[in-house]
Amino acid sequence: MTMNRTAILFTLVSILILSFRSDKPAYNLYDSEGKNIKYEKMLDRISSADVVFFGELHDNPIAHWLEYEVTADLHKIAGERLVLGAEMFEADNQLLLDEYLGSEYEADKFEAEVKLWKNYRTDYRPLVEFAKKSSLPFIATNVPRRYASMVSRGGFEELDSLSAEAKKYLAPLPVSYDPELKCYKDMLSMHGMPGMGARPNQNLPKAQAIKDATMAHFIAENLPSGKIFIHYNGAYHSDNYLGIVHYLKLYRPGIKIATITTVLQDDITDLEVENRGLADFIIAIPLTMTRTY
């Protein structure tokens, strides 16, 4: 009898272990300290912010799916108070975006004229169509890439030659710039070539900064009192509460900000130490997850 009970117990434990191992979640959600948190709890917390930054991995389908889900669920809470905005649209395309959202012309005409990322149709079009269907504003926040290229070549001084009309698509000049911020210091080390005697381009982080400052500027300019602005951007632009977050705090002191980021891990059952503190909420996704391009 004892042997039978032992065998049964062993069988049940084995089944439980196998069941656990067969469970393969597409993501796990953590708070900044690395503690598991429920989606509903995150939603409740971010809904009280003025601005929500969703830091994505551009080619990750889970990040894009959750961007849509978070937006749709925030809309259920905030209704017409919700404003959408994205790095993926440059400020000089705002008129085209506004016209399309206002049903001035069809999608094929809009997509033929606006500057779109290669994964627009799969990853960002659903967000634009959600804004259109829900009559919500969608703000093109990023600096026109030609101006970021100017900074990358010759520094901020290159922008002084632009016309007053061109400068409407930029953060107010001169842009405050702190080269000691981690996000900009790290860019130089990432682009350096140790052992080969090559110096990294000192203007690369400045080009990143003009993007961050411009996105922060257009978020601040399009955030009336009582609204909630959700902004989609590459995680690097808002991780560690730097990048766009840094500039937004300069432009709008006291603003309430919530941040979400996305990370890849071999094992998502625990949040790796280096990923803790990156944001208020961290979405850990398996490294083997399919990429969208």
C-alpha atoms as a PDB file:
ATOM      1  CA  MET A   1       0.000   0.000   0.000  1.00  0.00           C
ATOM      2  CA  THR A   2       2.800   2.377   0.908  1.00  0.00           C
ATOM      3  CA  MET A   3       4.583   1.568  -2.335  1.00  0.00           C
ATOM      4  CA  ASN A   4       1.408   2.286  -4.326  1.00  0.00           C
ATOM      5  CA  ARG A   5       0.930   5.640  -2.603  1.00  0.00           C
ATOM      6  CA  THR A   6       4.573   6.531  -3.239  1.00  0.00           C
ATOM      7  CA  ALA A   7       4.229   5.609  -6.910  1.00  0.00           C
ATOM      8  CA  ILE A   8       1.062   7.674  -7.237  1.00  0.00           C
ATOM      9  CA  LEU A   9       2.691  10.642  -5.531  1.00  0.00           C
ATOM     10  CA  PHE A  10       5.748  10.342  -7.795  1.00  0.00           C
ATOM     11  CA  THR A  11       3.499  10.227 -10.857  1.00  0.00           C
ATOM     12  CA  LEU A  12       1.572  13.323  -9.780  1.00  0.00           C
ATOM     13  CA  VAL A  13       4.768  15.290  -9.113  1.00  0.00           C
ATOM     14  CA  SER A  14       6.148  14.234 -12.498  1.00  0.00           C
ATOM     15  CA  ILE A  15       2.978  15.390 -14.227  1.00  0.00           C
ATOM     16  CA  LEU A  16       3.154  18.752 -12.470  1.00  0.00           C
ATOM     17  CA  ILE A  17       6.794  19.225 -13.432  1.00  0.00           C
ATOM     18  CA  LEU A  18       6.141  18.284 -17.053  1.00  0.00           C
ATOM     19  CA  SER A  19       3.100  20.574 -17.162  1.00  0.00           C
ATOM     20  CA  PHE A  20       5.185  23.456 -15.862  1.00  0.00           C
ATOM     21  CA  ARG A  21       7.916  22.796 -18.389  1.00  0.00           C
ATOM     22  CA  SER A  22       5.419  22.671 -21.242  1.00  0.00           C
ATOM     23  CA  ASP A  23       4.086  26.111 -20.349  1.00  0.00           C
ATOM     24  CA  LYS A  24       5.832  28.547 -22.695  1.00  0.00           C
ATOM     25  CA  PRO A  25       4.546  32.080 -22.134  1.00  0.00           C
ATOM     26  CA  ALA A  26       5.248  34.605 -24.887  1.00  0.00           C
ATOM     27  CA  TYR A  27       6.247  37.162 -22.259  1.00  0.00           C
ATOM     28  CA  ASN A  28       6.445  37.845 -18.548  1.00  0.00           C
ATOM     29  CA  LEU A  29       5.730  41.247 -17.023  1.00  0.00           C
ATOM     30  CA  TYR A  30       7.824  42.718 -14.210  1.00  0.00           C
ATOM     31  CA  ASP A  31       7.987  45.919 -12.220  1.00  0.00           C
ATOM     32  CA  SER A  32      11.197  47.944 -11.988  1.00  0.00           C
ATOM     33  CA  GLU A  33      12.466  45.824  -9.096  1.00  0.00           C
ATOM     34  CA  GLY A  34      12.038  42.577 -11.003  1.00  0.00           C
ATOM     35  CA  LYS A  35       8.849  41.412  -9.300  1.00  0.00           C
ATOM     36  CA  ASN A  36       6.121  39.752 -11.369  1.00  0.00           C
ATOM     37  CA  ILE A  37       3.165  42.047 -11.903  1.00  0.00           C
ATOM     38  CA  LYS A  38      -0.232  41.475 -13.468  1.00  0.00           C
ATOM     39  CA  TYR A  39      -1.147  43.274 -16.673  1.00  0.00           C
ATOM     40  CA  GLU A  40      -4.234  44.795 -15.023  1.00  0.00           C
ATOM     41  CA  LYS A  41      -2.088  46.246 -12.241  1.00  0.00           C
ATOM     42  CA  MET A  42       0.262  47.848 -14.757  1.00  0.00           C
ATOM     43  CA  LEU A  43      -2.693  49.265 -16.662  1.00  0.00           C
ATOM     44  CA  ASP A  44      -4.146  50.751 -13.498  1.00  0.00           C
ATOM     45  CA  ARG A  45      -0.853  52.446 -12.669  1.00  0.00           C
ATOM     46  CA  ILE A  46      -0.087  53.859 -16.109  1.00  0.00           C
ATOM     47  CA  SER A  47      -3.628  55.209 -16.504  1.00  0.00           C
ATOM     48  CA  SER A  48      -2.871  57.872 -13.884  1.00  0.00           C
ATOM     49  CA  ALA A  49       0.162  59.202 -15.796  1.00  0.00           C
ATOM     50  CA  ASP A  50       0.226  62.208 -18.107  1.00  0.00           C
ATOM     51  CA  VAL A  51       2.572  60.458 -20.550  1.00  0.00           C
ATOM     52  CA  VAL A  52       3.163  56.741 -21.080  1.00  0.00           C
ATOM     53  CA  PHE A  53       6.301  55.731 -22.965  1.00  0.00           C
ATOM     54  CA  PHE A  54       6.138  52.313 -24.578  1.00  0.00           C
ATOM     55  CA  GLY A  55       9.714  51.339 -25.401  1.00  0.00           C
ATOM     56  CA  GLU A  56       9.624  48.687 -28.076  1.00  0.00           C
ATOM     57  CA  LEU A  57      12.045  46.430 -29.901  1.00  0.00           C
ATOM     58  CA  HIS A  58      11.232  47.464 -33.456  1.00  0.00           C
ATOM     59  CA  ASP A  59      11.122  43.952 -34.908  1.00  0.00           C
ATOM     60  CA  ASN A  60       9.371  42.193 -32.037  1.00  0.00           C
ATOM     61  CA  PRO A  61       5.778  40.995 -32.590  1.00  0.00           C
ATOM     62  CA  ILE A  62       4.970  40.695 -28.871  1.00  0.00           C
ATOM     63  CA  ALA A  63       5.945  44.317 -28.291  1.00  0.00           C
ATOM     64  CA  HIS A  64       3.746  45.451 -31.184  1.00  0.00           C
ATOM     65  CA  TRP A  65       0.808  43.332 -30.054  1.00  0.00           C
ATOM     66  CA  LEU A  66       1.060  44.713 -26.523  1.00  0.00           C
ATOM     67  CA  GLU A  67       1.317  48.279 -27.827  1.00  0.00           C
ATOM     68  CA  TYR A  68      -2.066  47.784 -29.442  1.00  0.00           C
ATOM     69  CA  GLU A  69      -3.581  46.056 -26.411  1.00  0.00           C
ATOM     70  CA  VAL A  70      -2.331  48.695 -23.967  1.00  0.00           C
ATOM     71  CA  THR A  71      -3.618  51.462 -26.239  1.00  0.00           C
ATOM     72  CA  ALA A  72      -7.044  49.853 -26.620  1.00  0.00           C
ATOM     73  CA  ASP A  73      -7.322  49.273 -22.870  1.00  0.00           C
ATOM     74  CA  LEU A  74      -6.173  52.814 -22.036  1.00  0.00           C
ATOM     75  CA  HIS A  75      -8.835  54.062 -24.429  1.00  0.00           C
ATOM     76  CA  LYS A  76     -11.480  52.155 -22.447  1.00  0.00           C
ATOM     77  CA  ILE A  77     -10.352  54.119 -19.385  1.00  0.00           C
ATOM     78  CA  ALA A  78      -9.511  57.522 -20.878  1.00  0.00           C
ATOM     79  CA  GLY A  79     -11.821  57.684 -23.892  1.00  0.00           C
ATOM     80  CA  GLU A  80     -11.354  60.866 -25.896  1.00  0.00           C
ATOM     81  CA  ARG A  81      -8.686  62.043 -23.438  1.00  0.00           C
ATOM     82  CA  LEU A  82      -6.168  59.697 -25.087  1.00  0.00           C
ATOM     83  CA  VAL A  83      -3.520  61.040 -27.486  1.00  0.00           C
ATOM     84  CA  LEU A  84      -1.230  58.791 -29.547  1.00  0.00           C
ATOM     85  CA  GLY A  85       2.222  59.655 -30.839  1.00  0.00           C
ATOM     86  CA  ALA A  86       5.223  57.884 -32.292  1.00  0.00           C
ATOM     87  CA  GLU A  87       8.880  58.043 -33.178  1.00  0.00           C
ATOM     88  CA  MET A  88       7.952  56.305 -36.431  1.00  0.00           C
ATOM     89  CA  PHE A  89       6.413  59.473 -37.896  1.00  0.00           C
ATOM     90  CA  GLU A  90       8.443  62.608 -38.603  1.00  0.00           C
ATOM     91  CA  ALA A  91       7.082  66.000 -37.670  1.00  0.00           C
ATOM     92  CA  ASP A  92       6.893  67.302 -41.240  1.00  0.00           C
ATOM     93  CA  ASN A  93       4.379  64.538 -42.031  1.00  0.00           C
ATOM     94  CA  GLN A  94       1.845  65.754 -39.468  1.00  0.00           C
ATOM     95  CA  LEU A  95      -0.403  67.360 -42.087  1.00  0.00           C
ATOM     96  CA  LEU A  96      -0.606  64.111 -44.074  1.00  0.00           C
ATOM     97  CA  LEU A  97      -1.364  62.179 -40.902  1.00  0.00           C
ATOM     98  CA  ASP A  98      -4.049  64.641 -39.818  1.00  0.00           C
ATOM     99  CA  GLU A  99      -5.678  64.577 -43.245  1.00  0.00           C
ATOM    100  CA  TYR A 100      -5.771  60.799 -43.291  1.00  0.00           C
ATOM    101  CA  LEU A 101      -7.181  60.580 -39.771  1.00  0.00           C
ATOM    102  CA  GLY A 102      -9.825  63.081 -40.873  1.00  0.00           C
ATOM    103  CA  SER A 103     -10.733  60.825 -43.825  1.00  0.00           C
ATOM    104  CA  GLU A 104      -9.577  63.298 -46.458  1.00  0.00           C
ATOM    105  CA  TYR A 105      -8.280  60.437 -48.599  1.00  0.00           C
ATOM    106  CA  GLU A 106      -7.830  56.680 -48.651  1.00  0.00           C
ATOM    107  CA  ALA A 107      -5.053  54.610 -47.069  1.00  0.00           C
ATOM    108  CA  ASP A 108      -3.256  53.880 -50.335  1.00  0.00           C
ATOM    109  CA  LYS A 109      -2.862  57.603 -51.043  1.00  0.00           C
ATOM    110  CA  PHE A 110      -1.650  58.291 -47.508  1.00  0.00           C
ATOM    111  CA  GLU A 111       0.850  55.439 -47.541  1.00  0.00           C
ATOM    112  CA  ALA A 112       2.230  56.481 -50.921  1.00  0.00           C
ATOM    113  CA  GLU A 113       3.072  59.995 -49.710  1.00  0.00           C
ATOM    114  CA  VAL A 114       4.089  59.714 -46.072  1.00  0.00           C
ATOM    115  CA  LYS A 115       7.541  58.456 -44.981  1.00  0.00           C
ATOM    116  CA  LEU A 116       6.847  55.014 -43.541  1.00  0.00           C
ATOM    117  CA  TRP A 117       9.016  52.442 -41.832  1.00  0.00           C
ATOM    118  CA  LYS A 118       9.300  49.141 -43.692  1.00  0.00           C
ATOM    119  CA  ASN A 119       7.229  47.332 -41.057  1.00  0.00           C
ATOM    120  CA  TYR A 120       4.461  49.944 -41.037  1.00  0.00           C
ATOM    121  CA  ARG A 121       1.695  47.719 -42.394  1.00  0.00           C
ATOM    122  CA  THR A 122       2.211  44.922 -39.887  1.00  0.00           C
ATOM    123  CA  ASP A 123       3.322  46.860 -36.818  1.00  0.00           C
ATOM    124  CA  TYR A 124       2.156  50.504 -36.872  1.00  0.00           C
ATOM    125  CA  ARG A 125      -0.788  50.616 -39.231  1.00  0.00           C
ATOM    126  CA  PRO A 126      -3.032  48.938 -36.602  1.00  0.00           C
ATOM    127  CA  LEU A 127      -2.298  51.824 -34.208  1.00  0.00           C
ATOM    128  CA  VAL A 128      -2.996  54.480 -36.850  1.00  0.00           C
ATOM    129  CA  GLU A 129      -6.230  52.721 -37.828  1.00  0.00           C
ATOM    130  CA  PHE A 130      -7.229  52.519 -34.160  1.00  0.00           C
ATOM    131  CA  ALA A 131      -6.728  56.285 -33.836  1.00  0.00           C
ATOM    132  CA  LYS A 132      -8.737  56.843 -37.005  1.00  0.00           C
ATOM    133  CA  LYS A 133     -11.598  54.580 -35.904  1.00  0.00           C
ATOM    134  CA  SER A 134     -11.659  56.130 -32.428  1.00  0.00           C
ATOM    135  CA  SER A 135     -11.288  59.763 -33.606  1.00  0.00           C
ATOM    136  CA  LEU A 136      -8.096  60.205 -31.597  1.00  0.00           C
ATOM    137  CA  PRO A 137      -5.162  62.471 -32.482  1.00  0.00           C
ATOM    138  CA  PHE A 138      -1.928  60.823 -33.576  1.00  0.00           C
ATOM    139  CA  ILE A 139       1.171  63.009 -33.284  1.00  0.00           C
ATOM    140  CA  ALA A 140       4.206  62.698 -35.533  1.00  0.00           C
ATOM    141  CA  THR A 141       6.915  63.491 -32.992  1.00  0.00           C
ATOM    142  CA  ASN A 142      10.264  62.638 -34.564  1.00  0.00           C
ATOM    143  CA  VAL A 143      12.713  65.051 -36.167  1.00  0.00           C
ATOM    144  CA  PRO A 144      12.886  64.816 -39.965  1.00  0.00           C
ATOM    145  CA  ARG A 145      15.741  62.402 -40.628  1.00  0.00           C
ATOM    146  CA  ARG A 146      17.561  64.865 -42.897  1.00  0.00           C
ATOM    147  CA  TYR A 147      18.072  67.179 -39.922  1.00  0.00           C
ATOM    148  CA  ALA A 148      19.315  64.373 -37.679  1.00  0.00           C
ATOM    149  CA  SER A 149      21.782  63.509 -40.457  1.00  0.00           C
ATOM    150  CA  MET A 150      23.004  67.111 -40.471  1.00  0.00           C
ATOM    151  CA  VAL A 151      23.752  66.879 -36.740  1.00  0.00           C
ATOM    152  CA  SER A 152      25.476  63.534 -37.203  1.00  0.00           C
ATOM    153  CA  ARG A 153      27.790  65.097 -39.801  1.00  0.00           C
ATOM    154  CA  GLY A 154      28.562  68.445 -38.208  1.00  0.00           C
ATOM    155  CA  GLY A 155      26.990  68.802 -34.773  1.00  0.00           C
ATOM    156  CA  PHE A 156      24.162  71.031 -33.571  1.00  0.00           C
ATOM    157  CA  GLU A 157      25.717  74.050 -35.285  1.00  0.00           C
ATOM    158  CA  GLU A 158      24.615  72.660 -38.645  1.00  0.00           C
ATOM    159  CA  LEU A 159      21.006  73.416 -37.707  1.00  0.00           C
ATOM    160  CA  ASP A 160      21.656  77.160 -37.400  1.00  0.00           C
ATOM    161  CA  SER A 161      21.598  77.476 -41.185  1.00  0.00           C
ATOM    162  CA  LEU A 162      18.012  76.200 -41.439  1.00  0.00           C
ATOM    163  CA  SER A 163      15.140  78.518 -42.267  1.00  0.00           C
ATOM    164  CA  ALA A 164      12.571  79.538 -39.678  1.00  0.00           C
ATOM    165  CA  GLU A 165      10.079  77.277 -41.462  1.00  0.00           C
ATOM    166  CA  ALA A 166      12.406  74.263 -41.178  1.00  0.00           C
ATOM    167  CA  LYS A 167      13.031  74.931 -37.495  1.00  0.00           C
ATOM    168  CA  LYS A 168       9.314  74.430 -36.803  1.00  0.00           C
ATOM    169  CA  TYR A 169      10.003  70.701 -37.087  1.00  0.00           C
ATOM    170  CA  LEU A 170      12.706  70.731 -34.418  1.00  0.00           C
ATOM    171  CA  ALA A 171      12.960  71.198 -30.695  1.00  0.00           C
ATOM    172  CA  PRO A 172      13.688  74.857 -29.857  1.00  0.00           C
ATOM    173  CA  LEU A 173      17.330  75.698 -30.488  1.00  0.00           C
ATOM    174  CA  PRO A 174      19.841  75.662 -28.938  1.00  0.00           C
ATOM    175  CA  VAL A 175      19.182  72.187 -27.555  1.00  0.00           C
ATOM    176  CA  SER A 176      20.457  71.449 -24.061  1.00  0.00           C
ATOM    177  CA  TYR A 177      22.914  68.576 -24.301  1.00  0.00           C
ATOM    178  CA  ASP A 178      24.654  66.624 -21.562  1.00  0.00           C
ATOM    179  CA  PRO A 179      27.271  64.244 -23.036  1.00  0.00           C
ATOM    180  CA  GLU A 180      27.643  62.581 -19.634  1.00  0.00           C
ATOM    181  CA  LEU A 181      24.135  61.105 -19.688  1.00  0.00           C
ATOM    182  CA  LYS A 182      24.411  57.319 -19.813  1.00  0.00           C
ATOM    183  CA  CYS A 183      22.358  56.956 -22.999  1.00  0.00           C
ATOM    184  CA  TYR A 184      24.729  59.248 -24.919  1.00  0.00           C
ATOM    185  CA  LYS A 185      27.974  58.027 -23.357  1.00  0.00           C
ATOM    186  CA  ASP A 186      27.008  54.448 -24.170  1.00  0.00           C
ATOM    187  CA  MET A 187      26.438  55.324 -27.813  1.00  0.00           C
ATOM    188  CA  LEU A 188      30.080  56.337 -28.187  1.00  0.00           C
ATOM    189  CA  SER A 189      31.335  53.109 -26.620  1.00  0.00           C
ATOM    190  CA  MET A 190      28.999  51.029 -28.792  1.00  0.00           C
ATOM    191  CA  HIS A 191      30.209  52.690 -31.985  1.00  0.00           C
ATOM    192  CA  GLY A 192      33.892  52.707 -31.069  1.00  0.00           C
ATOM    193  CA  MET A 193      36.328  50.142 -32.437  1.00  0.00           C
ATOM    194  CA  PRO A 194      38.570  49.024 -29.573  1.00  0.00           C
ATOM    195  CA  GLY A 195      42.077  48.049 -30.614  1.00  0.00           C
ATOM    196  CA  MET A 196      41.759  49.491 -34.103  1.00  0.00           C
ATOM    197  CA  GLY A 197      42.612  53.110 -33.364  1.00  0.00           C
ATOM    198  CA  ALA A 198      39.341  54.414 -34.773  1.00  0.00           C
ATOM    199  CA  ARG A 199      37.548  57.213 -32.929  1.00  0.00           C
ATOM    200  CA  PRO A 200      33.754  57.019 -32.758  1.00  0.00           C
ATOM    201  CA  ASN A 201      31.808  59.868 -34.313  1.00  0.00           C
ATOM    202  CA  GLN A 202      31.358  62.349 -31.444  1.00  0.00           C
ATOM    203  CA  ASN A 203      28.249  63.697 -33.174  1.00  0.00           C
ATOM    204  CA  LEU A 204      26.327  60.404 -33.115  1.00  0.00           C
ATOM    205  CA  PRO A 205      24.908  60.937 -29.622  1.00  0.00           C
ATOM    206  CA  LYS A 206      24.094  64.529 -30.573  1.00  0.00           C
ATOM    207  CA  ALA A 207      21.988  63.214 -33.457  1.00  0.00           C
ATOM    208  CA  GLN A 208      20.243  60.958 -30.944  1.00  0.00           C
ATOM    209  CA  ALA A 209      19.734  63.936 -28.648  1.00  0.00           C
ATOM    210  CA  ILE A 210      18.075  66.061 -31.355  1.00  0.00           C
ATOM    211  CA  LYS A 211      15.644  63.182 -31.922  1.00  0.00           C
ATOM    212  CA  ASP A 212      14.976  62.833 -28.183  1.00  0.00           C
ATOM    213  CA  ALA A 213      14.554  66.578 -27.672  1.00  0.00           C
ATOM    214  CA  THR A 214      12.270  66.943 -30.685  1.00  0.00           C
ATOM    215  CA  MET A 215      10.056  64.048 -29.640  1.00  0.00           C
ATOM    216  CA  ALA A 216       9.815  65.487 -26.130  1.00  0.00           C
ATOM    217  CA  HIS A 217       8.993  68.908 -27.585  1.00  0.00           C
ATOM    218  CA  PHE A 218       6.094  67.649 -29.682  1.00  0.00           C
ATOM    219  CA  ILE A 219       4.754  65.529 -26.840  1.00  0.00           C
ATOM    220  CA  ALA A 220       4.781  68.604 -24.584  1.00  0.00           C
ATOM    221  CA  GLU A 221       3.173  70.744 -27.306  1.00  0.00           C
ATOM    222  CA  ASN A 222       0.340  68.254 -27.800  1.00  0.00           C
ATOM    223  CA  LEU A 223      -0.531  67.450 -24.214  1.00  0.00           C
ATOM    224  CA  PRO A 224      -3.437  69.597 -23.044  1.00  0.00           C
ATOM    225  CA  SER A 225      -4.399  69.407 -19.397  1.00  0.00           C
ATOM    226  CA  GLY A 226      -6.308  66.251 -18.527  1.00  0.00           C
ATOM    227  CA  LYS A 227      -5.061  64.205 -21.491  1.00  0.00           C
ATOM    228  CA  ILE A 228      -3.037  60.970 -21.481  1.00  0.00           C
ATOM    229  CA  PHE A 229      -0.356  60.731 -24.166  1.00  0.00           C
ATOM    230  CA  ILE A 230       0.927  57.279 -25.116  1.00  0.00           C
ATOM    231  CA  HIS A 231       4.153  57.392 -27.110  1.00  0.00           C
ATOM    232  CA  TYR A 232       5.689  54.516 -29.057  1.00  0.00           C
ATOM    233  CA  ASN A 233       9.453  54.566 -29.475  1.00  0.00           C
ATOM    234  CA  GLY A 234      12.503  52.373 -29.536  1.00  0.00           C
ATOM    235  CA  ALA A 235      13.301  51.281 -25.990  1.00  0.00           C
ATOM    236  CA  TYR A 236      16.665  53.047 -26.049  1.00  0.00           C
ATOM    237  CA  HIS A 237      14.900  56.413 -26.327  1.00  0.00           C
ATOM    238  CA  SER A 238      13.247  56.024 -22.899  1.00  0.00           C
ATOM    239  CA  ASP A 239      15.175  53.347 -20.980  1.00  0.00           C
ATOM    240  CA  ASN A 240      16.650  54.381 -17.620  1.00  0.00           C
ATOM    241  CA  TYR A 241      14.254  57.382 -17.687  1.00  0.00           C
ATOM    242  CA  LEU A 242      16.634  59.151 -20.061  1.00  0.00           C
ATOM    243  CA  GLY A 243      16.444  60.183 -23.707  1.00  0.00           C
ATOM    244  CA  ILE A 244      12.991  61.584 -24.428  1.00  0.00           C
ATOM    245  CA  VAL A 245      12.051  61.347 -20.749  1.00  0.00           C
ATOM    246  CA  HIS A 246      15.018  63.532 -19.784  1.00  0.00           C
ATOM    247  CA  TYR A 247      14.004  66.277 -22.219  1.00  0.00           C
ATOM    248  CA  LEU A 248      10.299  66.075 -21.427  1.00  0.00           C
ATOM    249  CA  LYS A 249      11.072  66.733 -17.779  1.00  0.00           C
ATOM    250  CA  LEU A 250      13.029  69.826 -18.849  1.00  0.00           C
ATOM    251  CA  TYR A 251      10.144  71.085 -20.969  1.00  0.00           C
ATOM    252  CA  ARG A 252       7.372  70.141 -18.527  1.00  0.00           C
ATOM    253  CA  PRO A 253       8.687  69.994 -14.938  1.00  0.00           C
ATOM    254  CA  GLY A 254       6.452  67.997 -12.618  1.00  0.00           C
ATOM    255  CA  ILE A 255       4.858  65.964 -15.398  1.00  0.00           C
ATOM    256  CA  LYS A 256       3.737  62.447 -14.402  1.00  0.00           C
ATOM    257  CA  ILE A 257       5.494  59.858 -16.548  1.00  0.00           C
ATOM    258  CA  ALA A 258       5.174  56.066 -16.748  1.00  0.00           C
ATOM    259  CA  THR A 259       7.584  53.952 -18.757  1.00  0.00           C
ATOM    260  CA  ILE A 260       7.383  50.477 -20.274  1.00  0.00           C
ATOM    261  CA  THR A 261      10.287  48.718 -21.911  1.00  0.00           C
ATOM    262  CA  THR A 262      10.885  45.472 -23.756  1.00  0.00           C
ATOM    263  CA  VAL A 263      13.836  43.126 -23.270  1.00  0.00           C
ATOM    264  CA  LEU A 264      14.929  39.765 -24.655  1.00  0.00           C
ATOM    265  CA  GLN A 265      16.149  36.988 -22.369  1.00  0.00           C
ATOM    266  CA  ASP A 266      17.122  33.318 -22.754  1.00  0.00           C
ATOM    267  CA  ASP A 267      14.953  32.547 -19.730  1.00  0.00           C
ATOM    268  CA  ILE A 268      12.062  34.836 -18.808  1.00  0.00           C
ATOM    269  CA  THR A 269      11.087  33.129 -15.545  1.00  0.00           C
ATOM    270  CA  ASP A 270      13.119  35.786 -13.698  1.00  0.00           C
ATOM    271  CA  LEU A 271      14.126  39.270 -14.744  1.00  0.00           C
ATOM    272  CA  GLU A 272      17.878  39.478 -15.240  1.00  0.00           C
ATOM    273  CA  VAL A 273      19.685  41.911 -12.958  1.00  0.00           C
ATOM    274  CA  GLU A 274      20.875  44.136 -15.825  1.00  0.00           C
ATOM    275  CA  ASN A 275      17.267  44.614 -16.957  1.00  0.00           C
ATOM    276  CA  ARG A 276      15.965  45.773 -13.594  1.00  0.00           C
ATOM    277  CA  GLY A 277      15.367  49.484 -13.203  1.00  0.00           C
ATOM    278  CA  LEU A 278      15.209  50.142 -16.947  1.00  0.00           C
ATOM    279  CA  ALA A 279      11.593  51.278 -16.693  1.00  0.00           C
ATOM    280  CA  ASP A 280       8.558  51.188 -14.430  1.00  0.00           C
ATOM    281  CA  PHE A 281       7.437  48.029 -16.206  1.00  0.00           C
ATOM    282  CA  ILE A 282       9.582  45.544 -18.110  1.00  0.00           C
ATOM    283  CA  ILE A 283       8.246  43.065 -20.647  1.00  0.00           C
ATOM    284  CA  ALA A 284      10.610  40.095 -20.841  1.00  0.00           C
ATOM    285  CA  ILE A 285      10.319  38.149 -24.084  1.00  0.00           C
ATOM    286  CA  PRO A 286      12.089  34.917 -25.061  1.00  0.00           C
ATOM    287  CA  LEU A 287      15.181  35.440 -27.173  1.00  0.00           C
ATOM    288  CA  THR A 288      13.846  32.882 -29.641  1.00  0.00           C
ATOM    289  CA  MET A 289      10.711  34.906 -30.393  1.00  0.00           C
ATOM    290  CA  THR A 290       9.982  35.431 -34.097  1.00  0.00           C
ATOM    291  CA  ARG A 291      11.081  38.784 -35.567  1.00  0.00           C
ATOM    292  CA  THR A 292       8.833  40.805 -37.887  1.00  0.00           C
ATOM    293  CA  TYR A 293      11.696  41.616 -40.274  1.00  0.00           C
END
